[in-house]
Amino acid sequence: MPLYDFRCQTCGVFEQKRSIAEASNPIPCPSCQAVAKRIISAVGVVKTPSAISQRVEQSAEPRVVQRTAKHDHSHHNHQHRGRPWAIGH
C-alpha cells in the first residue's frame, strides 16, 4: 500500500499507509485522534546513477552475435570404422 500524507490541525503532518480506495477519506490522528485530512505533497523521485541506468538500458536490447567456427575441420567427413565390441550376432 502507498504512503499518503495527512495533516492534523493540532499535531501537524504525518504519513499513513492506505489502500488507493481509502486514500481520500479523512482518518484519525495517531496522537490526538482528531480528524486529519489528506494533503497532496510533492512526489519523491530518486535519480539512478548513470552507470546503473546505462546497464539497465543496455540489458533490454538484444546483442548482435556472430557465429564463429569451433573447429577448423568439418565434422561431415567423420566415418565410423565399426564397433570392435559388437560381435556379429
PDB file of N, CA and C in Angstrom:
ATOM      1  N   MET A   1       0.841  -1.175   0.000  1.00  0.00           N
ATOM      2  CA  MET A   1       0.000   0.000   0.000  1.00  0.00           C
ATOM      3  C   MET A   1       0.890   1.242   0.000  1.00  0.00           C
ATOM      4  N   PRO A   2       0.464   2.275  -0.710  1.00  0.00           N
ATOM      5  CA  PRO A   2       1.256   3.507  -0.761  1.00  0.00           C
ATOM      6  C   PRO A   2       1.104   4.345   0.509  1.00  0.00           C
ATOM      7  N   LEU A   3       2.089   5.195   0.741  1.00  0.00           N
ATOM      8  CA  LEU A   3       2.052   6.138   1.857  1.00  0.00           C
ATOM      9  C   LEU A   3       1.374   7.429   1.412  1.00  0.00           C
ATOM     10  N   TYR A   4       0.518   7.960   2.260  1.00  0.00           N
ATOM     11  CA  TYR A   4      -0.158   9.226   1.991  1.00  0.00           C
ATOM     12  C   TYR A   4       0.123  10.174   3.150  1.00  0.00           C
ATOM     13  N   ASP A   5       0.167  11.469   2.855  1.00  0.00           N
ATOM     14  CA  ASP A   5       0.377  12.494   3.873  1.00  0.00           C
ATOM     15  C   ASP A   5      -0.968  13.026   4.344  1.00  0.00           C
ATOM     16  N   PHE A   6      -1.090  13.177   5.664  1.00  0.00           N
ATOM     17  CA  PHE A   6      -2.292  13.734   6.276  1.00  0.00           C
ATOM     18  C   PHE A   6      -1.878  14.861   7.213  1.00  0.00           C
ATOM     19  N   ARG A   7      -2.778  15.838   7.400  1.00  0.00           N
ATOM     20  CA  ARG A   7      -2.488  16.955   8.298  1.00  0.00           C
ATOM     21  C   ARG A   7      -3.549  17.037   9.384  1.00  0.00           C
ATOM     22  N   CYS A   8      -3.047  16.985  10.616  1.00  0.00           N
ATOM     23  CA  CYS A   8      -3.887  17.201  11.788  1.00  0.00           C
ATOM     24  C   CYS A   8      -3.745  18.684  12.157  1.00  0.00           C
ATOM     25  N   GLN A   9      -4.855  19.355  12.493  1.00  0.00           N
ATOM     26  CA  GLN A   9      -4.812  20.780  12.855  1.00  0.00           C
ATOM     27  C   GLN A   9      -4.003  21.008  14.129  1.00  0.00           C
ATOM     28  N   THR A  10      -3.944  20.008  15.002  1.00  0.00           N
ATOM     29  CA  THR A  10      -3.233  20.154  16.270  1.00  0.00           C
ATOM     30  C   THR A  10      -1.790  19.655  16.190  1.00  0.00           C
ATOM     31  N   CYS A  11      -1.590  18.453  15.620  1.00  0.00           N
ATOM     32  CA  CYS A  11      -0.274  17.796  15.660  1.00  0.00           C
ATOM     33  C   CYS A  11       0.585  18.014  14.415  1.00  0.00           C
ATOM     34  N   GLY A  12      -0.003  18.370  13.300  1.00  0.00           N
ATOM     35  CA  GLY A  12       0.778  18.603  12.087  1.00  0.00           C
ATOM     36  C   GLY A  12       0.655  17.458  11.090  1.00  0.00           C
ATOM     37  N   VAL A  13       1.676  17.334  10.246  1.00  0.00           N
ATOM     38  CA  VAL A  13       1.663  16.374   9.132  1.00  0.00           C
ATOM     39  C   VAL A  13       2.194  15.016   9.599  1.00  0.00           C
ATOM     40  N   PHE A  14       1.557  13.942   9.121  1.00  0.00           N
ATOM     41  CA  PHE A  14       2.028  12.575   9.366  1.00  0.00           C
ATOM     42  C   PHE A  14       1.722  11.724   8.148  1.00  0.00           C
ATOM     43  N   GLU A  15       2.393  10.585   8.050  1.00  0.00           N
ATOM     44  CA  GLU A  15       2.198   9.656   6.927  1.00  0.00           C
ATOM     45  C   GLU A  15       1.421   8.446   7.394  1.00  0.00           C
ATOM     46  N   GLN A  16       0.638   7.891   6.483  1.00  0.00           N
ATOM     47  CA  GLN A  16      -0.145   6.699   6.800  1.00  0.00           C
ATOM     48  C   GLN A  16      -0.261   5.834   5.553  1.00  0.00           C
ATOM     49  N   LYS A  17      -0.102   4.523   5.697  1.00  0.00           N
ATOM     50  CA  LYS A  17      -0.330   3.590   4.590  1.00  0.00           C
ATOM     51  C   LYS A  17      -1.827   3.349   4.469  1.00  0.00           C
ATOM     52  N   ARG A  18      -2.326   3.489   3.230  1.00  0.00           N
ATOM     53  CA  ARG A  18      -3.749   3.273   2.980  1.00  0.00           C
ATOM     54  C   ARG A  18      -3.922   2.659   1.612  1.00  0.00           C
ATOM     55  N   SER A  19      -5.028   1.988   1.422  1.00  0.00           N
ATOM     56  CA  SER A  19      -5.345   1.479   0.090  1.00  0.00           C
ATOM     57  C   SER A  19      -5.746   2.656  -0.790  1.00  0.00           C
ATOM     58  N   ILE A  20      -5.652   2.483  -2.088  1.00  0.00           N
ATOM     59  CA  ILE A  20      -5.995   3.554  -3.023  1.00  0.00           C
ATOM     60  C   ILE A  20      -7.467   3.938  -2.880  1.00  0.00           C
ATOM     61  N   ALA A  21      -8.317   2.967  -2.627  1.00  0.00           N
ATOM     62  CA  ALA A  21      -9.751   3.236  -2.484  1.00  0.00           C
ATOM     63  C   ALA A  21     -10.046   4.109  -1.261  1.00  0.00           C
ATOM     64  N   GLU A  22      -9.241   3.987  -0.207  1.00  0.00           N
ATOM     65  CA  GLU A  22      -9.467   4.744   1.029  1.00  0.00           C
ATOM     66  C   GLU A  22      -8.592   5.991   1.138  1.00  0.00           C
ATOM     67  N   ALA A  23      -7.800   6.287   0.130  1.00  0.00           N
ATOM     68  CA  ALA A  23      -6.797   7.352   0.215  1.00  0.00           C
ATOM     69  C   ALA A  23      -7.387   8.723   0.500  1.00  0.00           C
ATOM     70  N   SER A  24      -8.527   9.053  -0.065  1.00  0.00           N
ATOM     71  CA  SER A  24      -9.082  10.404   0.096  1.00  0.00           C
ATOM     72  C   SER A  24      -9.937  10.568   1.355  1.00  0.00           C
ATOM     73  N   ASN A  25     -10.247   9.482   2.045  1.00  0.00           N
ATOM     74  CA  ASN A  25     -11.073   9.564   3.255  1.00  0.00           C
ATOM     75  C   ASN A  25     -10.255  10.118   4.424  1.00  0.00           C
ATOM     76  N   PRO A  26     -10.841  11.008   5.246  1.00  0.00           N
ATOM     77  CA  PRO A  26     -10.135  11.501   6.436  1.00  0.00           C
ATOM     78  C   PRO A  26      -9.907  10.360   7.429  1.00  0.00           C
ATOM     79  N   ILE A  27      -8.852  10.492   8.234  1.00  0.00           N
ATOM     80  CA  ILE A  27      -8.531   9.470   9.236  1.00  0.00           C
ATOM     81  C   ILE A  27      -8.262  10.148  10.575  1.00  0.00           C
ATOM     82  N   PRO A  28      -8.331   9.394  11.673  1.00  0.00           N
ATOM     83  CA  PRO A  28      -7.999   9.985  12.968  1.00  0.00           C
ATOM     84  C   PRO A  28      -6.481  10.139  13.117  1.00  0.00           C
ATOM     85  N   CYS A  29      -6.069  11.229  13.738  1.00  0.00           N
ATOM     86  CA  CYS A  29      -4.649  11.469  14.006  1.00  0.00           C
ATOM     87  C   CYS A  29      -4.153  10.404  14.988  1.00  0.00           C
ATOM     88  N   PRO A  30      -2.965   9.817  14.753  1.00  0.00           N
ATOM     89  CA  PRO A  30      -2.475   8.777  15.664  1.00  0.00           C
ATOM     90  C   PRO A  30      -2.128   9.314  17.059  1.00  0.00           C
ATOM     91  N   SER A  31      -1.908  10.628  17.197  1.00  0.00           N
ATOM     92  CA  SER A  31      -1.556  11.203  18.506  1.00  0.00           C
ATOM     93  C   SER A  31      -2.773  11.657  19.303  1.00  0.00           C
ATOM     94  N   CYS A  32      -3.625  12.498  18.680  1.00  0.00           N
ATOM     95  CA  CYS A  32      -4.732  13.105  19.431  1.00  0.00           C
ATOM     96  C   CYS A  32      -6.114  12.607  19.004  1.00  0.00           C
ATOM     97  N   GLN A  33      -6.179  11.772  17.976  1.00  0.00           N
ATOM     98  CA  GLN A  33      -7.425  11.191  17.465  1.00  0.00           C
ATOM     99  C   GLN A  33      -8.356  12.204  16.796  1.00  0.00           C
ATOM    100  N   ALA A  34      -7.889  13.428  16.536  1.00  0.00           N
ATOM    101  CA  ALA A  34      -8.694  14.412  15.801  1.00  0.00           C
ATOM    102  C   ALA A  34      -8.727  14.014  14.330  1.00  0.00           C
ATOM    103  N   VAL A  35      -9.720  14.494  13.613  1.00  0.00           N
ATOM    104  CA  VAL A  35      -9.858  14.156  12.197  1.00  0.00           C
ATOM    105  C   VAL A  35      -8.760  14.859  11.402  1.00  0.00           C
ATOM    106  N   ALA A  36      -8.050  14.077  10.590  1.00  0.00           N
ATOM    107  CA  ALA A  36      -6.979  14.623   9.750  1.00  0.00           C
ATOM    108  C   ALA A  36      -7.339  14.385   8.293  1.00  0.00           C
ATOM    109  N   LYS A  37      -7.139  15.415   7.470  1.00  0.00           N
ATOM    110  CA  LYS A  37      -7.440  15.313   6.043  1.00  0.00           C
ATOM    111  C   LYS A  37      -6.162  15.060   5.267  1.00  0.00           C
ATOM    112  N   ARG A  38      -6.339  14.396   4.154  1.00  0.00           N
ATOM    113  CA  ARG A  38      -5.194  14.097   3.290  1.00  0.00           C
ATOM    114  C   ARG A  38      -4.727  15.376   2.607  1.00  0.00           C
ATOM    115  N   ILE A  39      -3.408  15.511   2.502  1.00  0.00           N
ATOM    116  CA  ILE A  39      -2.828  16.633   1.771  1.00  0.00           C
ATOM    117  C   ILE A  39      -2.021  16.075   0.603  1.00  0.00           C
ATOM    118  N   ILE A  40      -1.923  16.861  -0.446  1.00  0.00           N
ATOM    119  CA  ILE A  40      -1.151  16.465  -1.621  1.00  0.00           C
ATOM    120  C   ILE A  40       0.247  17.048  -1.471  1.00  0.00           C
ATOM    121  N   SER A  41       1.248  16.200  -1.556  1.00  0.00           N
ATOM    122  CA  SER A  41       2.632  16.659  -1.425  1.00  0.00           C
ATOM    123  C   SER A  41       3.417  16.264  -2.667  1.00  0.00           C
ATOM    124  N   ALA A  42       4.617  16.799  -2.782  1.00  0.00           N
ATOM    125  CA  ALA A  42       5.471  16.504  -3.934  1.00  0.00           C
ATOM    126  C   ALA A  42       5.890  15.038  -3.908  1.00  0.00           C
ATOM    127  N   VAL A  43       5.999  14.473  -5.081  1.00  0.00           N
ATOM    128  CA  VAL A  43       6.411  13.079  -5.209  1.00  0.00           C
ATOM    129  C   VAL A  43       7.921  12.997  -5.052  1.00  0.00           C
ATOM    130  N   GLY A  44       8.393  12.045  -4.291  1.00  0.00           N
ATOM    131  CA  GLY A  44       9.831  11.847  -4.138  1.00  0.00           C
ATOM    132  C   GLY A  44      10.378  11.046  -5.305  1.00  0.00           C
ATOM    133  N   VAL A  45      11.334  11.626  -6.019  1.00  0.00           N
ATOM    134  CA  VAL A  45      11.935  10.959  -7.168  1.00  0.00           C
ATOM    135  C   VAL A  45      13.413  10.737  -6.867  1.00  0.00           C
ATOM    136  N   VAL A  46      13.861   9.530  -7.052  1.00  0.00           N
ATOM    137  CA  VAL A  46      15.258   9.198  -6.826  1.00  0.00           C
ATOM    138  C   VAL A  46      15.929   9.024  -8.175  1.00  0.00           C
ATOM    139  N   LYS A  47      17.063   9.688  -8.362  1.00  0.00           N
ATOM    140  CA  LYS A  47      17.782   9.574  -9.625  1.00  0.00           C
ATOM    141  C   LYS A  47      18.762   8.416  -9.526  1.00  0.00           C
ATOM    142  N   THR A  48      18.693   7.517 -10.486  1.00  0.00           N
ATOM    143  CA  THR A  48      19.593   6.376 -10.546  1.00  0.00           C
ATOM    144  C   THR A  48      20.933   6.834 -11.110  1.00  0.00           C
ATOM    145  N   PRO A  49      22.060   6.372 -10.541  1.00  0.00           N
ATOM    146  CA  PRO A  49      23.362   6.728 -11.106  1.00  0.00           C
ATOM    147  C   PRO A  49      23.436   6.340 -12.583  1.00  0.00           C
ATOM    148  N   SER A  50      24.151   7.146 -13.369  1.00  0.00           N
ATOM    149  CA  SER A  50      24.175   6.951 -14.822  1.00  0.00           C
ATOM    150  C   SER A  50      24.745   5.597 -15.223  1.00  0.00           C
ATOM    151  N   ALA A  51      25.736   5.085 -14.495  1.00  0.00           N
ATOM    152  CA  ALA A  51      26.324   3.785 -14.848  1.00  0.00           C
ATOM    153  C   ALA A  51      25.288   2.672 -14.707  1.00  0.00           C
ATOM    154  N   ILE A  52      24.487   2.727 -13.669  1.00  0.00           N
ATOM    155  CA  ILE A  52      23.471   1.694 -13.459  1.00  0.00           C
ATOM    156  C   ILE A  52      22.360   1.825 -14.490  1.00  0.00           C
ATOM    157  N   SER A  53      21.905   3.044 -14.748  1.00  0.00           N
ATOM    158  CA  SER A  53      20.827   3.208 -15.726  1.00  0.00           C
ATOM    159  C   SER A  53      21.280   2.806 -17.123  1.00  0.00           C
ATOM    160  N   GLN A  54      22.552   3.041 -17.446  1.00  0.00           N
ATOM    161  CA  GLN A  54      23.075   2.632 -18.754  1.00  0.00           C
ATOM    162  C   GLN A  54      23.084   1.109 -18.871  1.00  0.00           C
ATOM    163  N   ARG A  55      23.486   0.409 -17.812  1.00  0.00           N
ATOM    164  CA  ARG A  55      23.493  -1.056 -17.844  1.00  0.00           C
ATOM    165  C   ARG A  55      22.083  -1.612 -17.960  1.00  0.00           C
ATOM    166  N   VAL A  56      21.125  -0.995 -17.298  1.00  0.00           N
ATOM    167  CA  VAL A  56      19.738  -1.449 -17.376  1.00  0.00           C
ATOM    168  C   VAL A  56      19.208  -1.268 -18.793  1.00  0.00           C
ATOM    169  N   GLU A  57      19.488  -0.109 -19.401  1.00  0.00           N
ATOM    170  CA  GLU A  57      19.024   0.140 -20.765  1.00  0.00           C
ATOM    171  C   GLU A  57      19.672  -0.821 -21.756  1.00  0.00           C
ATOM    172  N   GLN A  58      20.965  -1.089 -21.580  1.00  0.00           N
ATOM    173  CA  GLN A  58      21.660  -1.991 -22.498  1.00  0.00           C
ATOM    174  C   GLN A  58      21.188  -3.427 -22.339  1.00  0.00           C
ATOM    175  N   SER A  59      20.790  -3.814 -21.141  1.00  0.00           N
ATOM    176  CA  SER A  59      20.356  -5.195 -20.928  1.00  0.00           C
ATOM    177  C   SER A  59      19.014  -5.466 -21.600  1.00  0.00           C
ATOM    178  N   ALA A  60      18.243  -4.426 -21.871  1.00  0.00           N
ATOM    179  CA  ALA A  60      16.946  -4.607 -22.519  1.00  0.00           C
ATOM    180  C   ALA A  60      17.075  -4.828 -24.019  1.00  0.00           C
ATOM    181  N   GLU A  61      18.209  -4.417 -24.606  1.00  0.00           N
ATOM    182  CA  GLU A  61      18.412  -4.572 -26.040  1.00  0.00           C
ATOM    183  C   GLU A  61      19.182  -5.863 -26.317  1.00  0.00           C
ATOM    184  N   PRO A  62      18.735  -6.666 -27.278  1.00  0.00           N
ATOM    185  CA  PRO A  62      19.477  -7.885 -27.608  1.00  0.00           C
ATOM    186  C   PRO A  62      20.803  -7.539 -28.274  1.00  0.00           C
ATOM    187  N   ARG A  63      21.818  -8.337 -27.989  1.00  0.00           N
ATOM    188  CA  ARG A  63      23.125  -8.125 -28.595  1.00  0.00           C
ATOM    189  C   ARG A  63      23.195  -8.829 -29.934  1.00  0.00           C
ATOM    190  N   VAL A  64      23.959  -8.269 -30.847  1.00  0.00           N
ATOM    191  CA  VAL A  64      24.194  -8.904 -32.140  1.00  0.00           C
ATOM    192  C   VAL A  64      25.374  -9.849 -31.952  1.00  0.00           C
ATOM    193  N   VAL A  65      25.153 -11.117 -32.239  1.00  0.00           N
ATOM    194  CA  VAL A  65      26.176 -12.129 -32.040  1.00  0.00           C
ATOM    195  C   VAL A  65      26.515 -12.741 -33.383  1.00  0.00           C
ATOM    196  N   GLN A  66      27.815 -12.904 -33.640  1.00  0.00           N
ATOM    197  CA  GLN A  66      28.243 -13.556 -34.868  1.00  0.00           C
ATOM    198  C   GLN A  66      28.725 -14.950 -34.521  1.00  0.00           C
ATOM    199  N   ARG A  67      28.308 -15.904 -35.326  1.00  0.00           N
ATOM    200  CA  ARG A  67      28.697 -17.279 -35.087  1.00  0.00           C
ATOM    201  C   ARG A  67      30.129 -17.478 -35.555  1.00  0.00           C
ATOM    202  N   THR A  68      30.921 -18.122 -34.726  1.00  0.00           N
ATOM    203  CA  THR A  68      32.295 -18.449 -35.097  1.00  0.00           C
ATOM    204  C   THR A  68      32.436 -19.960 -35.117  1.00  0.00           C
ATOM    205  N   ALA A  69      33.297 -20.450 -35.991  1.00  0.00           N
ATOM    206  CA  ALA A  69      33.526 -21.895 -36.096  1.00  0.00           C
ATOM    207  C   ALA A  69      34.306 -22.358 -34.874  1.00  0.00           C
ATOM    208  N   LYS A  70      33.880 -23.472 -34.276  1.00  0.00           N
ATOM    209  CA  LYS A  70      34.581 -24.001 -33.117  1.00  0.00           C
ATOM    210  C   LYS A  70      35.840 -24.752 -33.530  1.00  0.00           C
ATOM    211  N   HIS A  71      35.773 -25.453 -34.661  1.00  0.00           N
ATOM    212  CA  HIS A  71      36.904 -26.247 -35.135  1.00  0.00           C
ATOM    213  C   HIS A  71      37.192 -25.886 -36.586  1.00  0.00           C
ATOM    214  N   ASP A  72      38.457 -26.071 -36.973  1.00  0.00           N
ATOM    215  CA  ASP A  72      38.827 -25.774 -38.352  1.00  0.00           C
ATOM    216  C   ASP A  72      38.369 -26.868 -39.309  1.00  0.00           C
ATOM    217  N   HIS A  73      38.342 -28.125 -38.865  1.00  0.00           N
ATOM    218  CA  HIS A  73      37.955 -29.219 -39.755  1.00  0.00           C
ATOM    219  C   HIS A  73      36.460 -29.476 -39.677  1.00  0.00           C
ATOM    220  N   SER A  74      35.928 -30.032 -40.717  1.00  0.00           N
ATOM    221  CA  SER A  74      34.499 -30.287 -40.787  1.00  0.00           C
ATOM    222  C   SER A  74      34.178 -31.634 -40.151  1.00  0.00           C
ATOM    223  N   HIS A  75      33.048 -31.722 -39.486  1.00  0.00           N
ATOM    224  CA  HIS A  75      32.609 -32.982 -38.878  1.00  0.00           C
ATOM    225  C   HIS A  75      31.818 -33.832 -39.864  1.00  0.00           C
ATOM    226  N   HIS A  76      31.545 -33.322 -41.049  1.00  0.00           N
ATOM    227  CA  HIS A  76      30.732 -34.055 -42.011  1.00  0.00           C
ATOM    228  C   HIS A  76      31.468 -35.241 -42.613  1.00  0.00           C
ATOM    229  N   ASN A  77      32.763 -35.259 -42.609  1.00  0.00           N
ATOM    230  CA  ASN A  77      33.530 -36.350 -43.207  1.00  0.00           C
ATOM    231  C   ASN A  77      33.915 -37.418 -42.193  1.00  0.00           C
ATOM    232  N   HIS A  78      33.422 -37.318 -40.988  1.00  0.00           N
ATOM    233  CA  HIS A  78      33.765 -38.298 -39.963  1.00  0.00           C
ATOM    234  C   HIS A  78      33.075 -39.628 -40.272  1.00  0.00           C
ATOM    235  N   GLN A  79      33.849 -40.716 -40.244  1.00  0.00           N
ATOM    236  CA  GLN A  79      33.290 -42.041 -40.530  1.00  0.00           C
ATOM    237  C   GLN A  79      33.570 -42.969 -39.363  1.00  0.00           C
ATOM    238  N   HIS A  80      32.591 -43.790 -39.044  1.00  0.00           N
ATOM    239  CA  HIS A  80      32.782 -44.796 -38.014  1.00  0.00           C
ATOM    240  C   HIS A  80      33.404 -46.022 -38.665  1.00  0.00           C
ATOM    241  N   ARG A  81      34.388 -46.575 -38.037  1.00  0.00           N
ATOM    242  CA  ARG A  81      35.106 -47.726 -38.582  1.00  0.00           C
ATOM    243  C   ARG A  81      34.634 -49.033 -37.952  1.00  0.00           C
ATOM    244  N   GLY A  82      33.433 -49.108 -37.567  1.00  0.00           N
ATOM    245  CA  GLY A  82      32.922 -50.339 -36.971  1.00  0.00           C
ATOM    246  C   GLY A  82      32.995 -50.270 -35.462  1.00  0.00           C
ATOM    247  N   ARG A  83      32.421 -51.283 -34.843  1.00  0.00           N
ATOM    248  CA  ARG A  83      32.404 -51.343 -33.391  1.00  0.00           C
ATOM    249  C   ARG A  83      33.069 -52.641 -32.968  1.00  0.00           C
ATOM    250  N   PRO A  84      34.297 -52.557 -32.472  1.00  0.00           N
ATOM    251  CA  PRO A  84      35.017 -53.787 -32.137  1.00  0.00           C
ATOM    252  C   PRO A  84      34.354 -54.583 -31.017  1.00  0.00           C
ATOM    253  N   TRP A  85      33.580 -53.954 -30.174  1.00  0.00           N
ATOM    254  CA  TRP A  85      32.913 -54.672 -29.098  1.00  0.00           C
ATOM    255  C   TRP A  85      31.641 -55.360 -29.567  1.00  0.00           C
ATOM    256  N   ALA A  86      31.134 -54.985 -30.723  1.00  0.00           N
ATOM    257  CA  ALA A  86      29.911 -55.578 -31.244  1.00  0.00           C
ATOM    258  C   ALA A  86      30.277 -56.742 -32.162  1.00  0.00           C
ATOM    259  N   ILE A  87      30.156 -57.936 -31.661  1.00  0.00           N
ATOM    260  CA  ILE A  87      30.434 -59.124 -32.459  1.00  0.00           C
ATOM    261  C   ILE A  87      29.175 -59.441 -33.242  1.00  0.00           C
ATOM    262  N   GLY A  88      29.319 -59.790 -34.495  1.00  0.00           N
ATOM    263  CA  GLY A  88      28.164 -60.075 -35.346  1.00  0.00           C
ATOM    264  C   GLY A  88      27.332 -61.211 -34.797  1.00  0.00           C
ATOM    265  N   HIS A  89      26.282 -60.944 -34.124  1.00  0.00           N
ATOM    266  CA  HIS A  89      25.387 -61.969 -33.564  1.00  0.00           C
ATOM    267  C   HIS A  89      24.344 -62.339 -34.547  1.00  0.00           C
TER     268      HIS A  89
END
